[in-house]
């Protein structure tokens, strides 16, 4: 993966982590280089998720497969966040939950 792609990925992870924090989630970064998700997050109900973030133009089935595999590796529930190209919104898919579209808070 090239440097530009890594920067884009890190920016997407930061944006989505901030969105989770705005929703009262706790976000823990993982050590770089591990192939087990981008970070771990705990929701307000104290359920912990392994989170995979994708900020690219396409939403493809391989992304969900990767998130599921990472959940199995970490023995955590999986969450996949795909940025919706051209918007400030994200398609959020979580294990045993219906897909949702989450919107970033407006800057004040």
N, C-alpha and C. Protein backbone atom coordinates (compact mmCIF):
# COMPACT_ATOMS: atom_id res chain seq x y z
N UNK A 1 0.85 -1.18 0.00
CA UNK A 1 0.00 0.00 0.00
C UNK A 1 0.89 1.23 0.00
N UNK A 2 0.57 2.22 -0.84
CA UNK A 2 1.37 3.42 -0.96
C UNK A 2 1.12 4.41 0.17
N UNK A 3 2.02 5.39 0.27
CA UNK A 3 1.92 6.39 1.33
C UNK A 3 0.63 7.19 1.24
N UNK A 4 0.21 7.55 0.01
CA UNK A 4 -1.02 8.32 -0.15
C UNK A 4 -2.22 7.51 0.34
N UNK A 5 -2.25 6.23 0.01
CA UNK A 5 -3.35 5.36 0.43
C UNK A 5 -3.38 5.22 1.96
N UNK A 6 -2.20 5.10 2.58
CA UNK A 6 -2.13 5.00 4.04
C UNK A 6 -2.63 6.29 4.70
N UNK A 7 -2.25 7.45 4.13
CA UNK A 7 -2.73 8.73 4.69
C UNK A 7 -4.25 8.83 4.57
N UNK A 8 -4.79 8.43 3.43
CA UNK A 8 -6.24 8.47 3.22
C UNK A 8 -6.94 7.55 4.21
N UNK A 9 -6.36 6.37 4.41
CA UNK A 9 -6.94 5.42 5.37
C UNK A 9 -6.90 5.96 6.79
N UNK A 10 -5.77 6.56 7.17
CA UNK A 10 -5.64 7.12 8.52
C UNK A 10 -6.62 8.27 8.71
N UNK A 11 -6.81 9.09 7.67
CA UNK A 11 -7.77 10.21 7.76
C UNK A 11 -9.18 9.67 7.95
N UNK A 12 -9.54 8.65 7.19
CA UNK A 12 -10.87 8.04 7.33
C UNK A 12 -11.08 7.46 8.71
N UNK A 13 -10.06 6.78 9.23
CA UNK A 13 -10.15 6.21 10.57
C UNK A 13 -10.37 7.30 11.60
N UNK A 14 -9.63 8.41 11.46
CA UNK A 14 -9.78 9.52 12.39
C UNK A 14 -11.16 10.15 12.33
N UNK A 15 -11.69 10.31 11.12
CA UNK A 15 -13.03 10.88 10.95
C UNK A 15 -14.09 9.99 11.60
N UNK A 16 -13.99 8.67 11.35
CA UNK A 16 -15.01 7.78 11.89
C UNK A 16 -14.86 7.64 13.41
N UNK A 17 -13.63 7.61 13.91
CA UNK A 17 -13.42 7.55 15.36
C UNK A 17 -14.03 8.77 16.04
N UNK A 18 -13.85 9.95 15.43
CA UNK A 18 -14.45 11.18 15.98
C UNK A 18 -15.97 11.08 15.99
N UNK A 19 -16.53 10.49 14.93
CA UNK A 19 -17.99 10.31 14.87
C UNK A 19 -18.46 9.40 16.00
N UNK A 20 -17.72 8.34 16.28
CA UNK A 20 -18.08 7.45 17.38
C UNK A 20 -18.01 8.18 18.72
N UNK A 21 -16.94 8.95 18.92
CA UNK A 21 -16.80 9.70 20.17
C UNK A 21 -17.96 10.69 20.35
N UNK A 22 -18.40 11.31 19.24
CA UNK A 22 -19.55 12.23 19.30
C UNK A 22 -20.82 11.50 19.75
N UNK A 23 -20.85 10.19 19.58
CA UNK A 23 -22.00 9.38 19.97
C UNK A 23 -21.75 8.66 21.30
N UNK A 24 -20.78 9.15 22.06
CA UNK A 24 -20.44 8.64 23.39
C UNK A 24 -19.85 7.23 23.40
N UNK A 25 -19.16 6.87 22.32
CA UNK A 25 -18.42 5.62 22.27
C UNK A 25 -17.01 5.88 22.81
N UNK A 26 -16.34 4.84 23.28
CA UNK A 26 -14.94 4.90 23.69
C UNK A 26 -14.14 4.21 22.60
N UNK A 27 -13.10 4.89 22.09
CA UNK A 27 -12.30 4.37 20.98
C UNK A 27 -10.87 4.11 21.46
N UNK A 28 -10.38 2.90 21.18
CA UNK A 28 -9.00 2.52 21.50
C UNK A 28 -8.27 2.21 20.21
N UNK A 29 -7.15 2.86 19.97
CA UNK A 29 -6.35 2.59 18.77
C UNK A 29 -5.63 1.25 18.93
N UNK A 30 -5.39 0.58 17.81
CA UNK A 30 -4.62 -0.65 17.79
C UNK A 30 -3.20 -0.35 17.34
N UNK A 31 -2.30 -1.25 17.61
CA UNK A 31 -0.93 -1.11 17.16
C UNK A 31 -0.89 -1.20 15.65
N UNK A 32 -0.18 -0.28 15.02
CA UNK A 32 -0.07 -0.27 13.56
C UNK A 32 0.55 -1.57 13.07
N UNK A 33 0.10 -2.01 11.92
CA UNK A 33 0.67 -3.20 11.30
C UNK A 33 -0.08 -4.48 11.60
N UNK A 34 -0.96 -4.48 12.57
CA UNK A 34 -1.75 -5.68 12.84
C UNK A 34 -2.85 -5.80 11.80
N UNK A 35 -3.08 -7.00 11.33
CA UNK A 35 -4.14 -7.19 10.33
C UNK A 35 -5.43 -7.59 11.03
N UNK A 36 -5.76 -6.89 12.10
CA UNK A 36 -6.96 -7.23 12.86
C UNK A 36 -7.78 -5.98 13.16
N UNK A 37 -8.19 -5.28 12.13
CA UNK A 37 -9.06 -4.13 12.31
C UNK A 37 -8.30 -2.84 12.48
N UNK A 38 -9.02 -1.74 12.35
CA UNK A 38 -8.41 -0.42 12.46
C UNK A 38 -8.36 0.06 13.90
N UNK A 39 -9.41 -0.23 14.67
CA UNK A 39 -9.42 0.10 16.09
C UNK A 39 -10.54 -0.67 16.78
N UNK A 40 -10.55 -0.58 18.10
CA UNK A 40 -11.59 -1.20 18.92
C UNK A 40 -12.42 -0.07 19.51
N UNK A 41 -13.73 -0.25 19.52
CA UNK A 41 -14.62 0.77 20.09
C UNK A 41 -15.66 0.10 20.98
N UNK A 42 -16.03 0.80 22.04
CA UNK A 42 -17.04 0.30 22.97
C UNK A 42 -18.21 1.26 22.94
N UNK A 43 -19.41 0.71 22.68
CA UNK A 43 -20.59 1.55 22.57
C UNK A 43 -21.12 1.95 23.95
N UNK A 44 -22.11 2.85 24.02
CA UNK A 44 -22.64 3.29 25.31
C UNK A 44 -23.25 2.17 26.15
N UNK A 45 -23.63 1.05 25.51
CA UNK A 45 -24.17 -0.11 26.24
C UNK A 45 -23.06 -1.06 26.69
N UNK A 46 -21.80 -0.64 26.49
CA UNK A 46 -20.60 -1.38 26.89
C UNK A 46 -20.34 -2.64 26.07
N UNK A 47 -20.81 -2.64 24.83
CA UNK A 47 -20.50 -3.71 23.89
C UNK A 47 -19.26 -3.28 23.12
N UNK A 48 -18.28 -4.18 23.00
CA UNK A 48 -17.03 -3.85 22.33
C UNK A 48 -17.02 -4.42 20.92
N UNK A 49 -16.52 -3.62 19.97
CA UNK A 49 -16.51 -3.94 18.55
C UNK A 49 -15.11 -3.79 17.98
N UNK A 50 -14.73 -4.65 17.05
CA UNK A 50 -13.54 -4.44 16.24
C UNK A 50 -14.02 -3.68 15.01
N UNK A 51 -13.41 -2.55 14.71
CA UNK A 51 -13.91 -1.65 13.69
C UNK A 51 -12.97 -1.63 12.48
N UNK A 52 -13.54 -1.81 11.31
CA UNK A 52 -12.82 -1.67 10.04
C UNK A 52 -13.42 -0.47 9.32
N UNK A 53 -12.56 0.46 8.90
CA UNK A 53 -13.00 1.69 8.24
C UNK A 53 -12.49 1.69 6.81
N UNK A 54 -13.39 1.98 5.88
CA UNK A 54 -13.03 2.06 4.46
C UNK A 54 -13.48 3.41 3.91
N UNK A 55 -12.51 4.20 3.47
CA UNK A 55 -12.85 5.49 2.85
C UNK A 55 -12.40 5.43 1.40
N UNK A 56 -13.21 4.81 0.58
CA UNK A 56 -12.91 4.68 -0.84
C UNK A 56 -14.22 4.84 -1.62
N UNK A 57 -14.11 5.01 -2.91
CA UNK A 57 -15.28 5.30 -3.73
C UNK A 57 -16.26 4.13 -3.82
N UNK A 58 -15.75 2.90 -3.68
CA UNK A 58 -16.61 1.73 -3.85
C UNK A 58 -16.84 1.00 -2.53
N UNK A 59 -18.04 0.49 -2.37
CA UNK A 59 -18.38 -0.37 -1.24
C UNK A 59 -18.50 -1.78 -1.82
N UNK A 60 -17.57 -2.66 -1.44
CA UNK A 60 -17.52 -3.99 -2.07
C UNK A 60 -17.68 -5.10 -1.02
N UNK A 61 -18.15 -6.28 -1.45
CA UNK A 61 -18.36 -7.40 -0.51
C UNK A 61 -17.10 -7.81 0.25
N UNK A 62 -15.93 -7.64 -0.35
CA UNK A 62 -14.68 -8.03 0.32
C UNK A 62 -14.46 -7.24 1.61
N UNK A 63 -14.97 -6.01 1.68
CA UNK A 63 -14.84 -5.22 2.90
C UNK A 63 -15.56 -5.91 4.06
N UNK A 64 -16.79 -6.37 3.81
CA UNK A 64 -17.55 -7.04 4.87
C UNK A 64 -16.87 -8.35 5.26
N UNK A 65 -16.38 -9.08 4.29
CA UNK A 65 -15.69 -10.33 4.57
C UNK A 65 -14.48 -10.07 5.47
N UNK A 66 -13.72 -9.02 5.16
CA UNK A 66 -12.56 -8.66 5.97
C UNK A 66 -12.98 -8.31 7.40
N UNK A 67 -14.04 -7.54 7.56
CA UNK A 67 -14.51 -7.16 8.90
C UNK A 67 -14.93 -8.40 9.70
N UNK A 68 -15.64 -9.32 9.06
CA UNK A 68 -16.08 -10.55 9.74
C UNK A 68 -14.87 -11.37 10.19
N UNK A 69 -13.88 -11.51 9.31
CA UNK A 69 -12.67 -12.27 9.65
C UNK A 69 -11.93 -11.63 10.82
N UNK A 70 -11.86 -10.30 10.84
CA UNK A 70 -11.18 -9.62 11.92
C UNK A 70 -11.92 -9.79 13.25
N UNK A 71 -13.25 -9.81 13.19
CA UNK A 71 -14.03 -10.08 14.39
C UNK A 71 -13.72 -11.46 14.95
N UNK A 72 -13.62 -12.43 14.07
CA UNK A 72 -13.28 -13.79 14.52
C UNK A 72 -11.90 -13.84 15.14
N UNK A 73 -10.91 -13.17 14.50
CA UNK A 73 -9.53 -13.16 15.02
C UNK A 73 -9.47 -12.56 16.42
N UNK A 74 -10.18 -11.47 16.61
CA UNK A 74 -10.15 -10.75 17.89
C UNK A 74 -11.18 -11.27 18.89
N UNK A 75 -12.06 -12.15 18.43
CA UNK A 75 -13.16 -12.67 19.26
C UNK A 75 -14.02 -11.52 19.80
N UNK A 76 -14.29 -10.59 18.88
CA UNK A 76 -15.16 -9.45 19.17
C UNK A 76 -16.22 -9.34 18.08
N UNK A 77 -17.27 -8.62 18.37
CA UNK A 77 -18.24 -8.31 17.33
C UNK A 77 -17.58 -7.38 16.32
N UNK A 78 -17.98 -7.52 15.05
CA UNK A 78 -17.37 -6.70 14.01
C UNK A 78 -18.26 -5.52 13.64
N UNK A 79 -17.61 -4.45 13.19
CA UNK A 79 -18.28 -3.26 12.66
C UNK A 79 -17.51 -2.83 11.42
N UNK A 80 -18.25 -2.51 10.37
CA UNK A 80 -17.65 -2.01 9.14
C UNK A 80 -18.26 -0.65 8.82
N UNK A 81 -17.39 0.34 8.63
CA UNK A 81 -17.84 1.69 8.27
C UNK A 81 -17.28 2.04 6.90
N UNK A 82 -18.18 2.21 5.94
CA UNK A 82 -17.79 2.63 4.58
C UNK A 82 -18.23 4.08 4.38
N UNK A 83 -17.27 4.94 4.06
CA UNK A 83 -17.63 6.32 3.75
C UNK A 83 -18.45 6.33 2.46
N UNK A 84 -19.52 7.11 2.45
CA UNK A 84 -20.35 7.24 1.25
C UNK A 84 -19.76 8.38 0.43
N UNK A 85 -19.16 8.01 -0.68
CA UNK A 85 -18.42 8.94 -1.54
C UNK A 85 -19.25 10.19 -1.86
N UNK A 86 -18.62 11.34 -1.75
CA UNK A 86 -19.27 12.60 -2.09
C UNK A 86 -20.19 13.14 -1.01
N UNK A 87 -20.10 12.56 0.20
CA UNK A 87 -20.98 13.01 1.29
C UNK A 87 -20.19 13.04 2.59
N UNK A 88 -20.85 13.45 3.65
CA UNK A 88 -20.24 13.40 4.98
C UNK A 88 -20.87 12.25 5.79
N UNK A 89 -21.42 11.27 5.09
CA UNK A 89 -22.12 10.15 5.72
C UNK A 89 -21.37 8.84 5.56
N UNK A 90 -21.71 7.90 6.41
CA UNK A 90 -21.06 6.58 6.43
C UNK A 90 -22.12 5.49 6.48
N UNK A 91 -21.92 4.42 5.72
CA UNK A 91 -22.72 3.22 5.82
C UNK A 91 -22.09 2.38 6.93
N UNK A 92 -22.85 2.11 7.98
CA UNK A 92 -22.33 1.38 9.13
C UNK A 92 -23.04 0.04 9.21
N UNK A 93 -22.24 -1.01 9.14
CA UNK A 93 -22.77 -2.37 9.29
C UNK A 93 -22.11 -3.00 10.50
N UNK A 94 -22.95 -3.61 11.35
CA UNK A 94 -22.47 -4.26 12.57
C UNK A 94 -23.05 -5.66 12.68
N UNK A 95 -22.28 -6.52 13.30
CA UNK A 95 -22.72 -7.89 13.50
C UNK A 95 -24.07 -7.91 14.22
N UNK A 96 -25.02 -8.65 13.67
CA UNK A 96 -26.37 -8.84 14.24
C UNK A 96 -27.20 -7.55 14.33
N UNK A 97 -26.87 -6.55 13.51
CA UNK A 97 -27.63 -5.30 13.46
C UNK A 97 -27.98 -4.99 12.01
N UNK A 98 -29.06 -4.26 11.81
CA UNK A 98 -29.39 -3.79 10.46
C UNK A 98 -28.42 -2.69 10.05
N UNK A 99 -28.10 -2.59 8.76
CA UNK A 99 -27.23 -1.49 8.30
C UNK A 99 -27.88 -0.14 8.59
N UNK A 100 -27.04 0.85 8.85
CA UNK A 100 -27.51 2.21 9.12
C UNK A 100 -26.63 3.20 8.37
N UNK A 101 -27.17 4.38 8.12
CA UNK A 101 -26.38 5.48 7.59
C UNK A 101 -26.21 6.47 8.74
N UNK A 102 -24.96 6.74 9.06
CA UNK A 102 -24.63 7.71 10.11
C UNK A 102 -24.12 8.97 9.44
N UNK A 103 -24.51 10.13 9.98
CA UNK A 103 -24.12 11.40 9.43
C UNK A 103 -23.20 12.13 10.41
N UNK A 104 -22.17 12.79 9.88
CA UNK A 104 -21.29 13.55 10.73
C UNK A 104 -22.04 14.76 11.25
N UNK A 105 -21.70 15.17 12.48
CA UNK A 105 -22.33 16.35 13.06
C UNK A 105 -21.89 17.59 12.30
N UNK A 106 -22.78 18.52 12.16
CA UNK A 106 -22.47 19.79 11.50
C UNK A 106 -21.52 20.59 12.38
N UNK A 107 -20.53 21.23 11.79
CA UNK A 107 -19.63 22.10 12.53
C UNK A 107 -20.39 23.35 12.93
N UNK A 108 -20.15 23.78 14.18
CA UNK A 108 -20.86 24.98 14.65
C UNK A 108 -19.97 26.17 14.72
